[in-house]
Amino acid sequence: SAVADRIGAGFAPVRKPGKLPSTTVKVTYDLEYGSDALEIHDDAVRK
């Protein structure tokens, strides 16, 4: 968020599943031992 402010850009968070309040897209990825997942709002990034 500080970098976004410095360069004049917007900001969007990527969070652990279930933490964002609106509709999201999700990715699951492998860790060294197991897996994890991240989500972002489905309207956070425009084409």
All heavy atoms as atom14 arrays in JSON, in Angstrom:
{
  "sequence": "SAVADRIGAGFAPVRKPGKLPSTTVKVTYDLEYGSDALEIHDDAVRK",
  "atom14_mask": [
    [1, 1, 1, 1, 1, 1, 0, 0, 0, 0, 0, 0, 0, 0],
    [1, 1, 1, 1, 1, 0, 0, 0, 0, 0, 0, 0, 0, 0],
    [1, 1, 1, 1, 1, 1, 1, 0, 0, 0, 0, 0, 0, 0],
    [1, 1, 1, 1, 1, 0, 0, 0, 0, 0, 0, 0, 0, 0],
    [1, 1, 1, 1, 1, 1, 1, 1, 0, 0, 0, 0, 0, 0],
    [1, 1, 1, 1, 1, 1, 1, 1, 1, 1, 1, 0, 0, 0],
    [1, 1, 1, 1, 1, 1, 1, 1, 0, 0, 0, 0, 0, 0],
    [1, 1, 1, 1, 0, 0, 0, 0, 0, 0, 0, 0, 0, 0],
    [1, 1, 1, 1, 1, 0, 0, 0, 0, 0, 0, 0, 0, 0],
    [1, 1, 1, 1, 0, 0, 0, 0, 0, 0, 0, 0, 0, 0],
    [1, 1, 1, 1, 1, 1, 1, 1, 1, 1, 1, 0, 0, 0],
    [1, 1, 1, 1, 1, 0, 0, 0, 0, 0, 0, 0, 0, 0],
    [1, 1, 1, 1, 1, 1, 1, 0, 0, 0, 0, 0, 0, 0],
    [1, 1, 1, 1, 1, 1, 1, 0, 0, 0, 0, 0, 0, 0],
    [1, 1, 1, 1, 1, 1, 1, 1, 1, 1, 1, 0, 0, 0],
    [1, 1, 1, 1, 1, 1, 1, 1, 1, 0, 0, 0, 0, 0],
    [1, 1, 1, 1, 1, 1, 1, 0, 0, 0, 0, 0, 0, 0],
    [1, 1, 1, 1, 0, 0, 0, 0, 0, 0, 0, 0, 0, 0],
    [1, 1, 1, 1, 1, 1, 1, 1, 1, 0, 0, 0, 0, 0],
    [1, 1, 1, 1, 1, 1, 1, 1, 0, 0, 0, 0, 0, 0],
    [1, 1, 1, 1, 1, 1, 1, 0, 0, 0, 0, 0, 0, 0],
    [1, 1, 1, 1, 1, 1, 0, 0, 0, 0, 0, 0, 0, 0],
    [1, 1, 1, 1, 1, 1, 1, 0, 0, 0, 0, 0, 0, 0],
    [1, 1, 1, 1, 1, 1, 1, 0, 0, 0, 0, 0, 0, 0],
    [1, 1, 1, 1, 1, 1, 1, 0, 0, 0, 0, 0, 0, 0],
    [1, 1, 1, 1, 1, 1, 1, 1, 1, 0, 0, 0, 0, 0],
    [1, 1, 1, 1, 1, 1, 1, 0, 0, 0, 0, 0, 0, 0],
    [1, 1, 1, 1, 1, 1, 1, 0, 0, 0, 0, 0, 0, 0],
    [1, 1, 1, 1, 1, 1, 1, 1, 1, 1, 1, 1, 0, 0],
    [1, 1, 1, 1, 1, 1, 1, 1, 0, 0, 0, 0, 0, 0],
    [1, 1, 1, 1, 1, 1, 1, 1, 0, 0, 0, 0, 0, 0],
    [1, 1, 1, 1, 1, 1, 1, 1, 1, 0, 0, 0, 0, 0],
    [1, 1, 1, 1, 1, 1, 1, 1, 1, 1, 1, 1, 0, 0],
    [1, 1, 1, 1, 0, 0, 0, 0, 0, 0, 0, 0, 0, 0],
    [1, 1, 1, 1, 1, 1, 0, 0, 0, 0, 0, 0, 0, 0],
    [1, 1, 1, 1, 1, 1, 1, 1, 0, 0, 0, 0, 0, 0],
    [1, 1, 1, 1, 1, 0, 0, 0, 0, 0, 0, 0, 0, 0],
    [1, 1, 1, 1, 1, 1, 1, 1, 0, 0, 0, 0, 0, 0],
    [1, 1, 1, 1, 1, 1, 1, 1, 1, 0, 0, 0, 0, 0],
    [1, 1, 1, 1, 1, 1, 1, 1, 0, 0, 0, 0, 0, 0],
    [1, 1, 1, 1, 1, 1, 1, 1, 1, 1, 0, 0, 0, 0],
    [1, 1, 1, 1, 1, 1, 1, 1, 0, 0, 0, 0, 0, 0],
    [1, 1, 1, 1, 1, 1, 1, 1, 0, 0, 0, 0, 0, 0],
    [1, 1, 1, 1, 1, 0, 0, 0, 0, 0, 0, 0, 0, 0],
    [1, 1, 1, 1, 1, 1, 1, 0, 0, 0, 0, 0, 0, 0],
    [1, 1, 1, 1, 1, 1, 1, 1, 1, 1, 1, 0, 0, 0],
    [1, 1, 1, 1, 1, 1, 1, 1, 1, 0, 0, 0, 0, 0]
  ],
  "atom14_positions": [
    [[0.83, -1.21, 0.0], [0.0, 0.0, 0.0], [0.87, 1.26, 0.0], [0.54, 2.25, -0.67], [-0.97, -0.01, 1.18], [-0.28, -0.08, 2.4], [0.0, 0.0, 0.0], [0.0, 0.0, 0.0], [0.0, 0.0, 0.0], [0.0, 0.0, 0.0], [0.0, 0.0, 0.0], [0.0, 0.0, 0.0], [0.0, 0.0, 0.0], [0.0, 0.0, 0.0]],
    [[1.99, 1.22, 0.71], [2.9, 2.38, 0.71], [3.54, 2.57, -0.66], [3.67, 3.7, -1.14], [3.98, 2.21, 1.78], [0.0, 0.0, 0.0], [0.0, 0.0, 0.0], [0.0, 0.0, 0.0], [0.0, 0.0, 0.0], [0.0, 0.0, 0.0], [0.0, 0.0, 0.0], [0.0, 0.0, 0.0], [0.0, 0.0, 0.0], [0.0, 0.0, 0.0]],
    [[3.94, 1.47, -1.29], [4.51, 1.56, -2.65], [3.47, 2.1, -3.62], [3.77, 2.97, -4.45], [5.05, 0.19, -3.11], [5.36, 0.19, -4.6], [6.29, -0.19, -2.3], [0.0, 0.0, 0.0], [0.0, 0.0, 0.0], [0.0, 0.0, 0.0], [0.0, 0.0, 0.0], [0.0, 0.0, 0.0], [0.0, 0.0, 0.0], [0.0, 0.0, 0.0]],
    [[2.24, 1.62, -3.52], [1.16, 2.11, -4.4], [1.01, 3.62, -4.27], [0.9, 4.33, -5.27], [-0.15, 1.4, -4.08], [0.0, 0.0, 0.0], [0.0, 0.0, 0.0], [0.0, 0.0, 0.0], [0.0, 0.0, 0.0], [0.0, 0.0, 0.0], [0.0, 0.0, 0.0], [0.0, 0.0, 0.0], [0.0, 0.0, 0.0], [0.0, 0.0, 0.0]],
    [[1.01, 4.1, -3.03], [0.9, 5.53, -2.79], [2.07, 6.28, -3.43], [1.88, 7.31, -4.08], [0.84, 5.81, -1.29], [0.72, 7.29, -1.0], [-0.32, 7.88, -1.35], [1.67, 7.85, -0.42], [0.0, 0.0, 0.0], [0.0, 0.0, 0.0], [0.0, 0.0, 0.0], [0.0, 0.0, 0.0], [0.0, 0.0, 0.0], [0.0, 0.0, 0.0]],
    [[3.28, 5.76, -3.27], [4.47, 6.43, -3.79], [4.47, 6.51, -5.32], [4.97, 7.48, -5.88], [5.75, 5.72, -3.36], [6.03, 5.76, -1.9], [6.79, 7.04, -1.49], [6.8, 7.15, -0.05], [7.69, 6.59, 0.75], [8.68, 5.9, 0.24], [7.58, 6.73, 2.04], [0.0, 0.0, 0.0], [0.0, 0.0, 0.0], [0.0, 0.0, 0.0]],
    [[3.98, 5.47, -5.97], [4.05, 5.44, -7.45], [2.75, 5.88, -8.12], [2.66, 5.9, -9.34], [4.51, 4.07, -7.98], [3.47, 2.99, -7.72], [5.87, 3.69, -7.4], [3.81, 1.64, -8.37], [0.0, 0.0, 0.0], [0.0, 0.0, 0.0], [0.0, 0.0, 0.0], [0.0, 0.0, 0.0], [0.0, 0.0, 0.0], [0.0, 0.0, 0.0]],
    [[1.75, 6.24, -7.32], [0.48, 6.72, -7.88], [-0.38, 5.63, -8.47], [-1.03, 5.83, -9.5], [0.0, 0.0, 0.0], [0.0, 0.0, 0.0], [0.0, 0.0, 0.0], [0.0, 0.0, 0.0], [0.0, 0.0, 0.0], [0.0, 0.0, 0.0], [0.0, 0.0, 0.0], [0.0, 0.0, 0.0], [0.0, 0.0, 0.0], [0.0, 0.0, 0.0]],
    [[-0.4, 4.48, -7.83], [-1.2, 3.35, -8.3], [-2.25, 2.98, -7.26], [-2.19, 3.43, -6.11], [-0.28, 2.15, -8.55], [0.0, 0.0, 0.0], [0.0, 0.0, 0.0], [0.0, 0.0, 0.0], [0.0, 0.0, 0.0], [0.0, 0.0, 0.0], [0.0, 0.0, 0.0], [0.0, 0.0, 0.0], [0.0, 0.0, 0.0], [0.0, 0.0, 0.0]],
    [[-3.21, 2.16, -7.67], [-4.17, 1.6, -6.73], [-3.56, 0.41, -6.02], [-2.44, -0.01, -6.31], [0.0, 0.0, 0.0], [0.0, 0.0, 0.0], [0.0, 0.0, 0.0], [0.0, 0.0, 0.0], [0.0, 0.0, 0.0], [0.0, 0.0, 0.0], [0.0, 0.0, 0.0], [0.0, 0.0, 0.0], [0.0, 0.0, 0.0], [0.0, 0.0, 0.0]],
    [[-4.32, -0.15, -5.08], [-3.85, -1.29, -4.3], [-4.94, -2.34, -4.19], [-6.12, -2.01, -4.01], [-3.44, -0.85, -2.88], [-3.01, -1.99, -2.02], [-1.73, -2.52, -2.13], [-3.89, -2.57, -1.11], [-1.34, -3.59, -1.34], [-3.5, -3.65, -0.32], [-2.23, -4.16, -0.44], [0.0, 0.0, 0.0], [0.0, 0.0, 0.0], [0.0, 0.0, 0.0]],
    [[-4.54, -3.61, -4.28], [-5.47, -4.73, -4.07], [-4.77, -5.8, -3.24], [-3.61, -6.13, -3.49], [-5.92, -5.32, -5.41], [0.0, 0.0, 0.0], [0.0, 0.0, 0.0], [0.0, 0.0, 0.0], [0.0, 0.0, 0.0], [0.0, 0.0, 0.0], [0.0, 0.0, 0.0], [0.0, 0.0, 0.0], [0.0, 0.0, 0.0], [0.0, 0.0, 0.0]],
    [[-5.48, -6.36, -2.25], [-4.88, -7.41, -1.42], [-5.12, -8.8, -1.98], [-6.17, -9.08, -2.57], [-5.62, -7.25, -0.08], [-6.97, -6.75, -0.48], [-6.75, -5.88, -1.7], [0.0, 0.0, 0.0], [0.0, 0.0, 0.0], [0.0, 0.0, 0.0], [0.0, 0.0, 0.0], [0.0, 0.0, 0.0], [0.0, 0.0, 0.0], [0.0, 0.0, 0.0]],
    [[-4.13, -9.67, -1.78], [-4.28, -11.11, -2.01], [-4.25, -11.73, -0.62], [-3.33, -11.48, 0.15], [-3.13, -11.67, -2.89], [-3.1, -13.18, -2.85], [-3.27, -11.18, -4.32], [0.0, 0.0, 0.0], [0.0, 0.0, 0.0], [0.0, 0.0, 0.0], [0.0, 0.0, 0.0], [0.0, 0.0, 0.0], [0.0, 0.0, 0.0], [0.0, 0.0, 0.0]],
    [[-5.29, -12.55, -0.32], [-5.44, -13.06, 1.05], [-5.64, -14.56, 1.08], [-5.91, -15.18, 0.06], [-6.66, -12.4, 1.7], [-6.52, -10.89, 1.76], [-7.15, -10.26, 2.93], [-6.64, -10.77, 4.19], [-7.2, -10.5, 5.35], [-8.28, -9.75, 5.42], [-6.68, -10.97, 6.46], [0.0, 0.0, 0.0], [0.0, 0.0, 0.0], [0.0, 0.0, 0.0]],
    [[-5.55, -15.1, 2.28], [-5.89, -16.5, 2.52], [-7.38, -16.66, 2.29], [-8.15, -15.71, 2.44], [-5.52, -16.91, 3.95], [-4.05, -16.76, 4.28], [-3.23, -17.79, 3.57], [-1.76, -17.65, 3.98], [-0.91, -18.56, 3.24], [0.0, 0.0, 0.0], [0.0, 0.0, 0.0], [0.0, 0.0, 0.0], [0.0, 0.0, 0.0], [0.0, 0.0, 0.0]],
    [[-7.83, -17.85, 1.94], [-9.26, -18.08, 1.64], [-10.18, -17.67, 2.79], [-9.87, -17.84, 3.96], [-9.33, -19.59, 1.4], [-7.96, -19.96, 0.93], [-7.04, -19.06, 1.71], [0.0, 0.0, 0.0], [0.0, 0.0, 0.0], [0.0, 0.0, 0.0], [0.0, 0.0, 0.0], [0.0, 0.0, 0.0], [0.0, 0.0, 0.0], [0.0, 0.0, 0.0]],
    [[-11.32, -17.1, 2.39], [-12.36, -16.74, 3.34], [-12.18, -15.4, 4.02], [-12.98, -15.03, 4.88], [0.0, 0.0, 0.0], [0.0, 0.0, 0.0], [0.0, 0.0, 0.0], [0.0, 0.0, 0.0], [0.0, 0.0, 0.0], [0.0, 0.0, 0.0], [0.0, 0.0, 0.0], [0.0, 0.0, 0.0], [0.0, 0.0, 0.0], [0.0, 0.0, 0.0]],
    [[-11.17, -14.63, 3.65], [-10.89, -13.35, 4.32], [-11.42, -12.14, 3.55], [-11.54, -11.06, 4.13], [-9.39, -13.16, 4.53], [-8.75, -14.24, 5.38], [-9.18, -14.14, 6.81], [-8.46, -15.15, 7.67], [-8.88, -15.08, 9.05], [0.0, 0.0, 0.0], [0.0, 0.0, 0.0], [0.0, 0.0, 0.0], [0.0, 0.0, 0.0], [0.0, 0.0, 0.0]],
    [[-11.72, -12.3, 2.27], [-12.21, -11.18, 1.46], [-13.74, -11.22, 1.42], [-14.34, -12.29, 1.29], [-11.62, -11.24, 0.06], [-10.11, -10.99, 0.0], [-9.56, -11.3, -1.39], [-9.78, -9.56, 0.38], [0.0, 0.0, 0.0], [0.0, 0.0, 0.0], [0.0, 0.0, 0.0], [0.0, 0.0, 0.0], [0.0, 0.0, 0.0], [0.0, 0.0, 0.0]],
    [[-14.4, -10.05, 1.49], [-15.84, -10.02, 1.68], [-16.7, -10.21, 0.42], [-17.9, -10.43, 0.54], [-16.08, -8.63, 2.27], [-14.98, -7.8, 1.69], [-13.8, -8.73, 1.61], [0.0, 0.0, 0.0], [0.0, 0.0, 0.0], [0.0, 0.0, 0.0], [0.0, 0.0, 0.0], [0.0, 0.0, 0.0], [0.0, 0.0, 0.0], [0.0, 0.0, 0.0]],
    [[-16.14, -10.11, -0.75], [-16.94, -10.21, -1.97], [-16.52, -11.46, -2.75], [-15.75, -12.27, -2.24], [-16.76, -8.94, -2.82], [-17.69, -8.91, -3.88], [0.0, 0.0, 0.0], [0.0, 0.0, 0.0], [0.0, 0.0, 0.0], [0.0, 0.0, 0.0], [0.0, 0.0, 0.0], [0.0, 0.0, 0.0], [0.0, 0.0, 0.0], [0.0, 0.0, 0.0]],
    [[-17.01, -11.6, -3.96], [-16.68, -12.8, -4.75], [-15.21, -12.78, -5.15], [-14.64, -11.72, -5.43], [-17.57, -12.92, -6.0], [-17.48, -11.7, -6.75], [-19.02, -13.15, -5.61], [0.0, 0.0, 0.0], [0.0, 0.0, 0.0], [0.0, 0.0, 0.0], [0.0, 0.0, 0.0], [0.0, 0.0, 0.0], [0.0, 0.0, 0.0], [0.0, 0.0, 0.0]],
    [[-14.59, -13.95, -5.14], [-13.15, -14.07, -5.36], [-12.83, -15.13, -6.39], [-13.68, -15.95, -6.75], [-12.44, -14.47, -4.03], [-12.94, -15.75, -3.63], [-12.66, -13.46, -2.94], [0.0, 0.0, 0.0], [0.0, 0.0, 0.0], [0.0, 0.0, 0.0], [0.0, 0.0, 0.0], [0.0, 0.0, 0.0], [0.0, 0.0, 0.0], [0.0, 0.0, 0.0]],
    [[-11.58, -15.1, -6.84], [-10.99, -16.22, -7.56], [-9.91, -16.77, -6.65], [-9.3, -16.04, -5.87], [-10.43, -15.84, -8.95], [-11.56, -15.44, -9.89], [-9.41, -14.74, -8.86], [0.0, 0.0, 0.0], [0.0, 0.0, 0.0], [0.0, 0.0, 0.0], [0.0, 0.0, 0.0], [0.0, 0.0, 0.0], [0.0, 0.0, 0.0], [0.0, 0.0, 0.0]],
    [[-9.67, -18.07, -6.77], [-8.79, -18.77, -5.83], [-7.78, -19.6, -6.6], [-8.08, -20.15, -7.66], [-9.65, -19.68, -4.95], [-8.89, -20.51, -3.95], [-9.9, -21.34, -3.14], [-9.25, -22.26, -2.16], [-10.25, -22.99, -1.36], [0.0, 0.0, 0.0], [0.0, 0.0, 0.0], [0.0, 0.0, 0.0], [0.0, 0.0, 0.0], [0.0, 0.0, 0.0]],
    [[-6.58, -19.71, -6.03], [-5.56, -20.59, -6.57], [-5.01, -21.42, -5.41], [-4.8, -20.89, -4.32], [-4.44, -19.82, -7.3], [-3.68, -18.92, -6.36], [-3.48, -20.77, -8.0], [0.0, 0.0, 0.0], [0.0, 0.0, 0.0], [0.0, 0.0, 0.0], [0.0, 0.0, 0.0], [0.0, 0.0, 0.0], [0.0, 0.0, 0.0], [0.0, 0.0, 0.0]],
    [[-4.82, -22.69, -5.66], [-4.18, -23.58, -4.7], [-2.79, -23.89, -5.23], [-2.61, -24.07, -6.43], [-4.99, -24.88, -4.53], [-6.31, -24.52, -4.09], [-4.37, -25.8, -3.51], [0.0, 0.0, 0.0], [0.0, 0.0, 0.0], [0.0, 0.0, 0.0], [0.0, 0.0, 0.0], [0.0, 0.0, 0.0], [0.0, 0.0, 0.0], [0.0, 0.0, 0.0]],
    [[-1.81, -23.93, -4.35], [-0.44, -24.16, -4.78], [0.28, -25.06, -3.78], [-0.12, -25.15, -2.62], [0.32, -22.84, -4.98], [0.41, -21.97, -3.76], [1.57, -21.94, -2.99], [-0.66, -21.17, -3.35], [1.66, -21.14, -1.87], [-0.57, -20.37, -2.23], [0.59, -20.37, -1.49], [0.68, -19.57, -0.37], [0.0, 0.0, 0.0], [0.0, 0.0, 0.0]],
    [[1.32, -25.71, -4.25], [2.07, -26.65, -3.42], [3.12, -25.94, -2.59], [3.78, -25.01, -3.05], [2.76, -27.7, -4.3], [1.77, -28.63, -4.96], [0.72, -28.91, -4.34], [2.04, -29.08, -6.09], [0.0, 0.0, 0.0], [0.0, 0.0, 0.0], [0.0, 0.0, 0.0], [0.0, 0.0, 0.0], [0.0, 0.0, 0.0], [0.0, 0.0, 0.0]],
    [[3.25, -26.41, -1.37], [4.31, -25.98, -0.47], [5.29, -27.14, -0.33], [5.05, -28.23, -0.86], [3.73, -25.64, 0.91], [2.75, -24.49, 0.97], [2.12, -24.41, 2.34], [3.45, -23.18, 0.65], [0.0, 0.0, 0.0], [0.0, 0.0, 0.0], [0.0, 0.0, 0.0], [0.0, 0.0, 0.0], [0.0, 0.0, 0.0], [0.0, 0.0, 0.0]],
    [[6.35, -26.89, 0.38], [7.34, -27.94, 0.59], [6.69, -29.17, 1.24], [6.96, -30.3, 0.86], [8.47, -27.41, 1.48], [9.73, -28.23, 1.42], [10.88, -27.54, 2.14], [10.74, -26.36, 2.53], [11.91, -28.19, 2.31], [0.0, 0.0, 0.0], [0.0, 0.0, 0.0], [0.0, 0.0, 0.0], [0.0, 0.0, 0.0], [0.0, 0.0, 0.0]],
    [[5.8, -28.93, 2.19], [5.07, -30.01, 2.86], [3.6, -29.66, 2.87], [3.12, -29.02, 3.8], [5.57, -30.19, 4.31], [7.04, -30.46, 4.4], [7.92, -29.48, 4.79], [7.54, -31.72, 4.08], [9.29, -29.72, 4.87], [8.9, -31.98, 4.15], [9.77, -30.98, 4.55], [11.11, -31.23, 4.62], [0.0, 0.0, 0.0], [0.0, 0.0, 0.0]],
    [[2.86, -30.02, 1.84], [1.44, -29.76, 1.78], [1.07, -28.75, 0.71], [1.77, -28.61, -0.3], [0.0, 0.0, 0.0], [0.0, 0.0, 0.0], [0.0, 0.0, 0.0], [0.0, 0.0, 0.0], [0.0, 0.0, 0.0], [0.0, 0.0, 0.0], [0.0, 0.0, 0.0], [0.0, 0.0, 0.0], [0.0, 0.0, 0.0], [0.0, 0.0, 0.0]],
    [[-0.03, -28.04, 0.94], [-0.49, -27.05, -0.02], [-1.12, -25.88, 0.72], [-1.38, -25.95, 1.92], [-1.5, -27.66, -0.98], [-2.67, -28.06, -0.29], [0.0, 0.0, 0.0], [0.0, 0.0, 0.0], [0.0, 0.0, 0.0], [0.0, 0.0, 0.0], [0.0, 0.0, 0.0], [0.0, 0.0, 0.0], [0.0, 0.0, 0.0], [0.0, 0.0, 0.0]],
    [[-1.36, -24.81, -0.02], [-1.98, -23.61, 0.54], [-2.83, -23.0, -0.56], [-2.85, -23.49, -1.7], [-0.93, -22.63, 1.03], [-1.43, -21.77, 2.2], [-2.66, -21.71, 2.43], [-0.6, -21.15, 2.87], [0.0, 0.0, 0.0], [0.0, 0.0, 0.0], [0.0, 0.0, 0.0], [0.0, 0.0, 0.0], [0.0, 0.0, 0.0], [0.0, 0.0, 0.0]],
    [[-3.52, -21.91, -0.25], [-4.38, -21.26, -1.24], [-4.4, -19.76, -0.99], [-4.17, -19.3, 0.13], [-5.8, -21.83, -1.17], [0.0, 0.0, 0.0], [0.0, 0.0, 0.0], [0.0, 0.0, 0.0], [0.0, 0.0, 0.0], [0.0, 0.0, 0.0], [0.0, 0.0, 0.0], [0.0, 0.0, 0.0], [0.0, 0.0, 0.0], [0.0, 0.0, 0.0]],
    [[-4.67, -19.02, -2.06], [-4.8, -17.57, -2.0], [-6.02, -17.16, -2.79], [-6.42, -17.85, -3.74], [-3.57, -16.88, -2.61], [-2.25, -17.02, -1.88], [-1.13, -16.42, -2.73], [-2.3, -16.34, -0.53], [0.0, 0.0, 0.0], [0.0, 0.0, 0.0], [0.0, 0.0, 0.0], [0.0, 0.0, 0.0], [0.0, 0.0, 0.0], [0.0, 0.0, 0.0]],
    [[-6.59, -16.01, -2.43], [-7.73, -15.45, -3.16], [-7.53, -13.97, -3.4], [-6.81, -13.29, -2.66], [-9.03, -15.64, -2.35], [-9.46, -17.06, -2.2], [-10.75, -17.2, -1.4], [-11.12, -16.28, -0.63], [-11.38, -18.26, -1.54], [0.0, 0.0, 0.0], [0.0, 0.0, 0.0], [0.0, 0.0, 0.0], [0.0, 0.0, 0.0], [0.0, 0.0, 0.0]],
    [[-8.21, -13.5, -4.45], [-8.27, -12.07, -4.76], [-9.7, -11.8, -5.22], [-10.37, -12.69, -5.77], [-7.23, -11.68, -5.84], [-7.1, -10.17, -5.99], [-7.55, -12.34, -7.18], [-5.92, -9.73, -6.86], [0.0, 0.0, 0.0], [0.0, 0.0, 0.0], [0.0, 0.0, 0.0], [0.0, 0.0, 0.0], [0.0, 0.0, 0.0], [0.0, 0.0, 0.0]],
    [[-10.2, -10.59, -4.96], [-11.54, -10.26, -5.47], [-11.55, -10.41, -6.99], [-10.57, -10.05, -7.67], [-11.91, -8.82, -5.11], [-12.41, -8.68, -3.71], [-11.97, -7.7, -2.87], [-13.33, -9.38, -3.0], [-12.59, -7.79, -1.7], [-13.41, -8.82, -1.75], [0.0, 0.0, 0.0], [0.0, 0.0, 0.0], [0.0, 0.0, 0.0], [0.0, 0.0, 0.0]],
    [[-12.65, -10.93, -7.5], [-12.71, -11.18, -8.94], [-12.75, -9.91, -9.78], [-12.57, -9.95, -11.0], [-13.88, -12.11, -9.29], [-15.24, -11.55, -8.95], [-15.36, -10.41, -8.46], [-16.23, -12.29, -9.15], [0.0, 0.0, 0.0], [0.0, 0.0, 0.0], [0.0, 0.0, 0.0], [0.0, 0.0, 0.0], [0.0, 0.0, 0.0], [0.0, 0.0, 0.0]],
    [[-12.95, -8.75, -9.14], [-12.94, -7.48, -9.86], [-11.75, -6.6, -9.47], [-11.71, -5.41, -9.76], [-14.25, -6.72, -9.64], [-14.5, -6.37, -8.17], [-13.71, -6.79, -7.29], [-15.51, -5.67, -7.9], [0.0, 0.0, 0.0], [0.0, 0.0, 0.0], [0.0, 0.0, 0.0], [0.0, 0.0, 0.0], [0.0, 0.0, 0.0], [0.0, 0.0, 0.0]],
    [[-10.76, -7.19, -8.8], [-9.61, -6.4, -8.32], [-8.68, -5.96, -9.44], [-8.05, -4.9, -9.33], [-8.82, -7.2, -7.29], [0.0, 0.0, 0.0], [0.0, 0.0, 0.0], [0.0, 0.0, 0.0], [0.0, 0.0, 0.0], [0.0, 0.0, 0.0], [0.0, 0.0, 0.0], [0.0, 0.0, 0.0], [0.0, 0.0, 0.0], [0.0, 0.0, 0.0]],
    [[-8.56, -6.76, -10.47], [-7.66, -6.47, -11.59], [-8.48, -6.42, -12.86], [-9.24, -7.35, -13.16], [-6.56, -7.56, -11.72], [-5.64, -7.25, -12.9], [-5.77, -7.7, -10.43], [0.0, 0.0, 0.0], [0.0, 0.0, 0.0], [0.0, 0.0, 0.0], [0.0, 0.0, 0.0], [0.0, 0.0, 0.0], [0.0, 0.0, 0.0], [0.0, 0.0, 0.0]],
    [[-8.32, -5.33, -13.61], [-9.01, -5.22, -14.9], [-8.09, -5.68, -16.03], [-6.86, -5.55, -15.92], [-9.45, -3.78, -15.15], [-10.57, -3.34, -14.2], [-11.14, -1.98, -14.54], [-10.15, -0.94, -14.79], [-9.56, -0.21, -13.86], [-9.82, -0.41, -12.59], [-8.69, 0.73, -14.19], [0.0, 0.0, 0.0], [0.0, 0.0, 0.0], [0.0, 0.0, 0.0]],
    [[-8.69, -6.2, -17.06], [-7.93, -6.7, -18.21], [-6.98, -5.61, -18.72], [-7.38, -4.47, -18.91], [-8.89, -7.14, -19.31], [-8.21, -7.78, -20.48], [-9.23, -8.28, -21.5], [-8.54, -8.73, -22.74], [-8.28, -10.11, -22.84], [0.0, 0.0, 0.0], [0.0, 0.0, 0.0], [0.0, 0.0, 0.0], [0.0, 0.0, 0.0], [0.0, 0.0, 0.0]]
  ]
}
